[in-house]
Protein backbone atom coordinates (compact mmCIF):
# COMPACT_ATOMS: atom_id res chain seq x y z
CA UNK A 1 -10.00 -26.50 -6.55
CA UNK A 2 -11.15 -22.96 -5.83
CA UNK A 3 -8.86 -19.96 -5.94
CA UNK A 4 -9.04 -16.43 -4.59
CA UNK A 5 -7.86 -13.56 -6.79
CA UNK A 6 -6.64 -10.39 -5.06
CA UNK A 7 -4.67 -7.24 -5.91
CA UNK A 8 -1.81 -5.40 -4.25
CA UNK A 9 0.29 -2.34 -5.09
CA UNK A 10 4.05 -2.19 -5.54
CA UNK A 11 6.33 0.46 -4.06
CA UNK A 12 6.15 2.35 -7.37
CA UNK A 13 2.35 2.21 -7.55
CA UNK A 14 1.75 -0.67 -9.97
CA UNK A 15 -1.27 -2.87 -9.29
CA UNK A 16 -0.42 -6.59 -9.31
CA UNK A 17 -2.95 -9.43 -9.52
CA UNK A 18 -2.32 -12.62 -7.57
CA UNK A 19 -4.24 -15.80 -6.84
CA UNK A 20 -4.15 -18.17 -3.87
CA UNK A 21 -5.37 -21.78 -3.75
CA UNK A 22 -4.68 -25.03 -1.95
CA UNK A 23 -3.77 -25.91 1.61
CA UNK A 24 -0.48 -26.59 3.34
CA UNK A 25 2.98 -24.98 3.58
CA UNK A 26 3.18 -21.72 1.59
CA UNK A 27 4.64 -21.72 -1.92
CA UNK A 28 4.91 -18.81 -4.37
CA UNK A 29 5.25 -19.48 -8.10
CA UNK A 30 7.20 -16.83 -10.00
CA UNK A 31 6.57 -16.85 -13.73
CA UNK A 32 7.41 -14.50 -16.55
CA UNK A 33 5.27 -13.44 -19.44
CA UNK A 34 2.31 -15.44 -20.69
CA UNK A 35 0.56 -15.83 -17.35
CA UNK A 36 -3.01 -14.99 -16.49
CA UNK A 37 -4.06 -15.89 -12.94
CA UNK A 38 -7.68 -16.37 -13.97
CA UNK A 39 -7.34 -18.11 -17.36
CA UNK A 40 -4.40 -20.36 -16.45
CA UNK A 41 -6.66 -22.35 -14.12
CA UNK A 42 -8.37 -24.01 -17.09
CA UNK A 43 -5.31 -24.16 -19.33
CA UNK A 44 -4.43 -27.39 -21.20
CA UNK A 45 -0.78 -26.42 -20.63
CA UNK A 46 -0.80 -25.45 -16.93
CA UNK A 47 -3.73 -27.33 -15.40
CA UNK A 48 -1.74 -30.36 -14.22
CA UNK A 49 0.98 -28.08 -12.83
CA UNK A 50 -1.54 -26.16 -10.75
CA UNK A 51 -3.17 -29.35 -9.49
CA UNK A 52 0.20 -30.62 -8.35
CA UNK A 53 1.44 -27.38 -6.78
CA UNK A 54 -1.78 -26.96 -4.78
CA UNK A 55 -1.62 -30.56 -3.55
CA UNK A 56 -0.17 -30.25 -0.06
CA UNK A 57 0.71 -26.56 -0.46
CA UNK A 58 -0.95 -23.18 -0.33
CA UNK A 59 0.06 -21.83 -3.74
CA UNK A 60 0.26 -18.15 -4.63
CA UNK A 61 0.98 -17.03 -8.18
CA UNK A 62 0.86 -13.62 -9.82
CA UNK A 63 0.97 -11.78 -13.15
CA UNK A 64 4.01 -9.55 -13.43
CA UNK A 65 3.45 -5.95 -14.52
CA UNK A 66 2.43 -5.58 -18.14
CA UNK A 67 0.64 -8.93 -18.32
CA UNK A 68 -2.48 -10.82 -17.28
CA UNK A 69 -4.73 -9.00 -14.81
CA UNK A 70 -1.93 -6.75 -13.54
CA UNK A 71 -1.45 -3.16 -14.73
CA UNK A 72 -0.34 -2.97 -18.36
CA UNK A 73 0.55 0.72 -18.66
CA UNK A 74 3.80 0.76 -16.69
CA UNK A 75 7.01 2.75 -16.92
CA UNK A 76 9.55 0.06 -16.03
CA UNK A 77 10.03 -3.45 -17.37
CA UNK A 78 13.25 -4.79 -15.87
CA UNK A 79 14.55 -7.04 -13.12
CA UNK A 80 14.26 -4.39 -10.42
CA UNK A 81 10.63 -3.77 -11.36
CA UNK A 82 9.79 -7.48 -11.26
CA UNK A 83 11.43 -7.81 -7.85
CA UNK A 84 9.10 -5.05 -6.65
CA UNK A 85 6.17 -7.10 -8.01
CA UNK A 86 7.25 -10.18 -6.03
CA UNK A 87 7.95 -8.16 -2.90
CA UNK A 88 4.49 -6.61 -3.05
CA UNK A 89 2.80 -10.00 -3.40
CA UNK A 90 4.85 -11.60 -0.60
CA UNK A 91 4.12 -8.68 1.74
CA UNK A 92 0.42 -8.67 0.86
CA UNK A 93 0.17 -12.39 1.61
CA UNK A 94 1.71 -11.81 5.03
CA UNK A 95 3.68 -15.06 4.94
CA UNK A 96 6.75 -14.92 7.16
CA UNK A 97 8.55 -17.73 5.38
CA UNK A 98 7.82 -19.67 2.21
CA UNK A 99 9.30 -21.62 -0.70
CA UNK A 100 9.69 -20.15 -4.17
CA UNK A 101 9.41 -21.90 -7.52
CA UNK A 102 10.72 -19.86 -10.43
CA UNK A 103 9.94 -20.90 -13.99
CA UNK A 104 12.14 -19.70 -16.86
CA UNK A 105 12.43 -15.90 -16.41
CA UNK A 106 10.90 -16.33 -12.97
CA UNK A 107 14.04 -18.21 -11.92
CA UNK A 108 16.40 -15.22 -11.73
CA UNK A 109 13.63 -13.12 -10.18
CA UNK A 110 13.21 -15.72 -7.43
CA UNK A 111 16.97 -15.97 -6.96
CA UNK A 112 17.46 -12.24 -6.52
CA UNK A 113 14.54 -12.12 -4.07
CA UNK A 114 16.16 -14.93 -2.05
CA UNK A 115 19.46 -13.04 -2.07
CA UNK A 116 17.82 -9.89 -0.70
CA UNK A 117 15.38 -11.61 1.67
CA UNK A 118 17.14 -14.81 2.81
CA UNK A 119 15.19 -14.89 6.08
CA UNK A 120 11.91 -15.34 4.19
CA UNK A 121 12.80 -18.04 1.65
CA UNK A 122 13.05 -21.61 2.91
CA UNK A 123 13.60 -23.42 -0.40
CA UNK A 124 14.08 -22.53 -4.06
CA UNK A 125 12.99 -24.56 -7.07
CA UNK A 126 14.22 -23.36 -10.47
CA UNK A 127 12.77 -24.84 -13.65
CA UNK A 128 14.33 -24.16 -17.08
CA UNK A 129 15.87 -21.02 -15.61
CA UNK A 130 19.01 -19.04 -16.46
CA UNK A 131 21.43 -16.49 -14.98
CA UNK A 132 21.73 -13.93 -17.77
CA UNK A 133 20.10 -13.09 -21.07
CA UNK A 134 21.37 -12.52 -24.59
CA UNK A 135 21.75 -8.75 -24.13
CA UNK A 136 24.34 -9.04 -21.34
CA UNK A 137 28.17 -8.98 -21.40
CA UNK A 138 29.73 -12.24 -22.51
CA UNK A 139 26.78 -13.46 -24.56
CA UNK A 140 27.58 -14.64 -28.07
CA UNK A 141 26.78 -12.52 -31.11
CA UNK A 142 24.62 -15.35 -32.42
CA UNK A 143 22.47 -15.32 -29.27
CA UNK A 144 22.10 -11.55 -29.47
CA UNK A 145 21.11 -11.67 -33.12
CA UNK A 146 18.58 -14.43 -32.46
CA UNK A 147 17.04 -12.51 -29.57
CA UNK A 148 16.81 -9.35 -31.70
CA UNK A 149 15.20 -11.31 -34.54
CA UNK A 150 12.60 -12.79 -32.22
CA UNK A 151 11.89 -9.34 -30.77
CA UNK A 152 11.05 -8.14 -34.29
CA UNK A 153 8.87 -11.20 -34.90
CA UNK A 154 7.01 -10.66 -31.63
CA UNK A 155 6.28 -7.06 -32.57
CA UNK A 156 4.80 -8.12 -35.91
CA UNK A 157 3.24 -11.50 -35.17
CA UNK A 158 2.12 -11.38 -31.53
CA UNK A 159 -1.44 -12.67 -31.15
CA UNK A 160 -1.96 -13.56 -34.80
CA UNK A 161 -3.48 -16.93 -35.71
CA UNK A 162 -1.26 -17.35 -38.75
CA UNK A 163 2.29 -16.50 -39.75
CA UNK A 164 5.89 -17.52 -39.17
CA UNK A 165 5.98 -16.27 -35.58
CA UNK A 166 3.03 -18.43 -34.56
CA UNK A 167 4.73 -21.53 -36.00
CA UNK A 168 8.11 -20.76 -34.43
CA UNK A 169 6.62 -19.87 -31.07
CA UNK A 170 4.48 -23.01 -30.97
CA UNK A 171 7.44 -25.24 -31.90
CA UNK A 172 9.50 -23.82 -29.04
CA UNK A 173 6.80 -24.06 -26.37
CA UNK A 174 4.83 -27.12 -27.45
CA UNK A 175 7.03 -29.29 -29.68
CA UNK A 176 4.38 -32.03 -29.60
CA UNK A 177 2.11 -29.75 -31.67
CA UNK A 178 -0.98 -30.46 -29.58
CA UNK A 179 -3.73 -28.45 -31.31
CA UNK A 180 -5.45 -27.46 -28.07
CA UNK A 181 -2.19 -26.20 -26.62
CA UNK A 182 -1.27 -24.20 -29.71
CA UNK A 183 -4.73 -22.62 -29.87
CA UNK A 184 -4.47 -21.78 -26.18
CA UNK A 185 -1.06 -20.13 -26.65
CA UNK A 186 -2.60 -18.01 -29.43
CA UNK A 187 -5.50 -16.92 -27.23
CA UNK A 188 -3.23 -16.25 -24.27
CA UNK A 189 -1.06 -13.95 -26.34
CA UNK A 190 -4.09 -11.83 -27.15
CA UNK A 191 -5.37 -11.69 -23.57
CA UNK A 192 -2.24 -11.47 -21.45
CA UNK A 193 -0.12 -8.73 -23.10
CA UNK A 194 -0.13 -6.26 -25.99
CA UNK A 195 2.50 -6.66 -28.72
CA UNK A 196 4.31 -3.60 -27.34
CA UNK A 197 4.41 -5.00 -23.81
CA UNK A 198 5.42 -8.43 -25.10
CA UNK A 199 8.44 -6.90 -26.84
CA UNK A 200 9.39 -4.91 -23.72
CA UNK A 201 9.13 -8.04 -21.59
CA UNK A 202 11.16 -10.09 -24.08
CA UNK A 203 13.93 -7.52 -24.18
CA UNK A 204 13.84 -7.10 -20.40
CA UNK A 205 14.17 -10.86 -19.87
CA UNK A 206 17.30 -10.86 -22.04
CA UNK A 207 18.80 -7.99 -20.01
CA UNK A 208 18.63 -10.01 -16.78
CA UNK A 209 22.02 -10.69 -15.20
CA UNK A 210 22.34 -12.09 -11.67
CA UNK A 211 25.71 -13.84 -12.01
CA UNK A 212 27.35 -11.63 -9.39
CA UNK A 213 24.98 -12.66 -6.57
CA UNK A 214 24.86 -16.43 -7.14
CA UNK A 215 27.79 -17.33 -4.83
CA UNK A 216 26.04 -15.48 -1.99
CA UNK A 217 22.72 -17.36 -2.20
CA UNK A 218 22.79 -20.17 0.36
CA UNK A 219 19.13 -21.18 0.18
CA UNK A 220 18.76 -24.91 -0.61
CA UNK A 221 17.90 -25.05 -4.31
CA UNK A 222 16.61 -27.63 -6.77
CA UNK A 223 17.59 -26.74 -10.35
CA UNK A 224 15.60 -28.75 -12.91
CA UNK A 225 16.15 -28.39 -16.65
CA UNK A 226 14.77 -30.20 -19.69
CA UNK A 227 17.64 -31.45 -21.85
CA UNK A 228 16.26 -30.33 -25.22
CA UNK A 229 14.38 -27.21 -24.16
CA UNK A 230 14.31 -24.87 -27.17
CA UNK A 231 13.57 -21.72 -25.17
CA UNK A 232 16.37 -21.94 -22.57
CA UNK A 233 19.34 -24.13 -23.56
CA UNK A 234 20.19 -26.97 -21.18
CA UNK A 235 23.73 -25.69 -20.66
CA UNK A 236 22.37 -22.51 -19.05
CA UNK A 237 20.58 -24.55 -16.41
CA UNK A 238 23.66 -26.67 -15.72
CA UNK A 239 25.78 -23.53 -15.42
CA UNK A 240 23.27 -21.98 -13.02
CA UNK A 241 23.34 -25.03 -10.73
CA UNK A 242 27.14 -25.08 -10.71
CA UNK A 243 27.32 -21.51 -9.41
CA UNK A 244 24.97 -21.93 -6.43
CA UNK A 245 26.55 -23.06 -3.12
CA UNK A 246 23.67 -25.36 -2.12
CA UNK A 247 22.07 -26.64 -5.32
CA UNK A 248 20.97 -30.05 -6.60
CA UNK A 249 20.80 -30.36 -10.39
CA UNK A 250 18.03 -32.44 -11.96
CA UNK A 251 18.40 -33.12 -15.72
CA UNK A 252 15.07 -34.03 -17.33
CA UNK A 253 14.62 -36.01 -20.56
CA UNK A 254 12.45 -34.42 -23.23
CA UNK A 255 11.92 -31.31 -25.33
CA UNK A 256 8.87 -29.62 -23.78
CA UNK A 257 9.54 -26.17 -22.38
CA UNK A 258 6.65 -26.84 -20.00
CA UNK A 259 6.44 -30.53 -19.09
CA UNK A 260 3.14 -32.19 -19.91
CA UNK A 261 1.43 -35.21 -18.36
CA UNK A 262 2.48 -37.46 -21.24
CA UNK A 263 6.16 -36.51 -20.90
CA UNK A 264 8.21 -39.27 -19.27
CA UNK A 265 10.09 -36.66 -17.23
CA UNK A 266 6.93 -35.30 -15.58
CA UNK A 267 6.67 -37.95 -12.81
CA UNK A 268 10.44 -37.75 -12.30
CA UNK A 269 10.26 -33.99 -11.78
CA UNK A 270 7.22 -34.20 -9.51
CA UNK A 271 8.79 -36.92 -7.38
CA UNK A 272 11.93 -34.84 -6.82
CA UNK A 273 9.88 -31.69 -6.25
CA UNK A 274 7.79 -33.34 -3.54
CA UNK A 275 10.81 -34.78 -1.76
CA UNK A 276 12.68 -31.49 -1.93
CA UNK A 277 9.83 -29.32 -0.63
CA UNK A 278 8.81 -31.80 2.08
CA UNK A 279 11.84 -31.06 4.23
CA UNK A 280 11.51 -27.30 4.68
CA UNK A 281 14.14 -25.62 6.88
CA UNK A 282 12.97 -23.04 9.39
CA UNK A 283 13.80 -19.53 10.48
CA UNK A 284 17.48 -19.11 11.37
CA UNK A 285 18.00 -18.60 15.08
CA UNK A 286 14.40 -19.43 15.98
CA UNK A 287 15.27 -22.74 17.58
CA UNK A 288 12.77 -24.51 15.34
CA UNK A 289 15.19 -26.96 13.73
CA UNK A 290 16.13 -28.77 16.97
CA UNK A 291 12.55 -28.37 18.20
CA UNK A 292 11.23 -30.47 15.33
CA UNK A 293 14.40 -32.45 14.72
CA UNK A 294 12.76 -35.80 15.50
CA UNK A 295 9.73 -35.24 13.27
CA UNK A 296 9.31 -36.78 9.83
CA UNK A 297 8.60 -34.65 6.76
CA UNK A 298 4.93 -35.72 6.85
CA UNK A 299 4.66 -34.82 10.54
CA UNK A 300 6.02 -31.35 9.81
CA UNK A 301 3.36 -30.86 7.16
CA UNK A 302 0.69 -31.99 9.63
CA UNK A 303 2.15 -29.69 12.31
CA UNK A 304 1.93 -26.74 9.93
CA UNK A 305 -1.77 -27.40 9.32
CA UNK A 306 -2.43 -27.89 13.05
CA UNK A 307 -0.78 -24.51 13.67
CA UNK A 308 -3.24 -22.98 11.22
CA UNK A 309 -6.10 -24.20 13.39
CA UNK A 310 -7.32 -26.94 11.07
CA UNK A 311 -9.13 -29.91 12.57
CA UNK A 312 -8.03 -33.51 12.04
CA UNK A 313 -10.82 -33.97 9.52
CA UNK A 314 -9.78 -30.87 7.55
CA UNK A 315 -6.14 -31.97 7.57
CA UNK A 316 -7.13 -35.45 6.39
CA UNK A 317 -9.05 -33.96 3.47
CA UNK A 318 -6.19 -31.62 2.54
CA UNK A 319 -3.60 -34.43 2.57
CA UNK A 320 -5.89 -37.18 1.22
CA UNK A 321 -5.28 -39.45 4.20
CA UNK A 322 -7.51 -40.97 6.89
CA UNK A 323 -8.59 -38.92 9.90
CA UNK A 324 -7.23 -41.68 12.15
CA UNK A 325 -3.83 -41.30 10.48
CA UNK A 326 -3.85 -37.56 11.22
CA UNK A 327 -4.80 -38.27 14.83
CA UNK A 328 -1.88 -40.67 15.11
CA UNK A 329 0.48 -38.09 13.59
CA UNK A 330 -0.66 -35.41 16.06
CA UNK A 331 -0.23 -37.81 18.97
CA UNK A 332 3.26 -38.73 17.80
CA UNK A 333 4.18 -35.06 17.35
CA UNK A 334 3.04 -34.19 20.88
CA UNK A 335 4.98 -37.16 22.23
CA UNK A 336 8.17 -36.22 20.39
CA UNK A 337 7.96 -32.59 21.50
CA UNK A 338 6.80 -33.36 25.07
CA UNK A 339 3.62 -31.32 24.68
CA UNK A 340 0.44 -32.28 26.50
CA UNK A 341 -2.40 -30.54 24.63
CA UNK A 342 -3.27 -29.49 21.09
CA UNK A 343 -3.67 -25.87 22.26
CA UNK A 344 -0.10 -25.85 23.60
CA UNK A 345 1.10 -27.41 20.35
CA UNK A 346 -0.56 -24.68 18.29
CA UNK A 347 0.95 -21.89 20.41
CA UNK A 348 4.49 -23.27 20.33
CA UNK A 349 4.31 -24.11 16.62
CA UNK A 350 3.16 -20.59 15.71
CA UNK A 351 5.93 -19.06 17.81
CA UNK A 352 8.39 -20.96 15.63
CA UNK A 353 6.99 -19.88 12.27
CA UNK A 354 4.55 -22.71 11.50
CA UNK A 355 1.02 -22.01 10.33
CA UNK A 356 1.80 -19.00 8.12
CA UNK A 357 -1.34 -17.93 6.19
């Protein structure tokens, strides 16, 4: 799979790197620290995630300020700054409506974006996410002390190949102790953020608090959380799901902060993710929902690709199905919507928000 790396500027002048790959309905991944849009593509930790997220979707992902290929010398490292990063990427992409998947710290960033821009977010997926960090009101003294201790360890041990921090960090992220993964985490620390920025990001992540907006977020949401995740306790994910008006909670067996192919929960998560994202609601008031009410989830995916001007052969390749099957889908779509020609189908689909690039 090939990807395209681009740059955009935030409202406060920070340059943000983002990458786009895949084909299908638009999906933006929101991560936290330890991302690098170029290096992650060959990562032993993320490779299977990226293969899956680009299968049937156009995936955009970005490095937040202070990390990866984005600007490192920045004034602000807080939730408002990271929202500006996401807003800049979404506006640069030009997508009218898309789904968001927020991982860990990316979860609350995605949630706040959906709260402020509900007309643009069709679905939310939150993985090992949380509502508020250790440096917020109501957090226990033990959690605060642990977060402070890790901040000190990050400052001293970030990017080193030996030491207590390396061992602790590896145990939390890759409890299986895969040598390739641990070596990759070490290298990523050195390439994605300086020790100073890593500390600022860590502290900023623990200052996040979006509890007051959760009852007002009505976007359909899938909240998935690994039961023995050592980075974000399971109870935080359960609590998050319970506070959202339209959320489905998915507990996942295991201990990996980032699920790997060998984890038994990986196919469970992917199955639920595919089903959840397949039925994407449309723009409120646009009339699209009744317009496509008789279509299956697969037909809606095909319709989106038709609206982007792709041929039956191109759609077949993108969805790994036969060209004849695509032709049958298009015929069925036209029949259901009482449309005579492909050109008319494209025009009407685009008017209703399909085919966003």
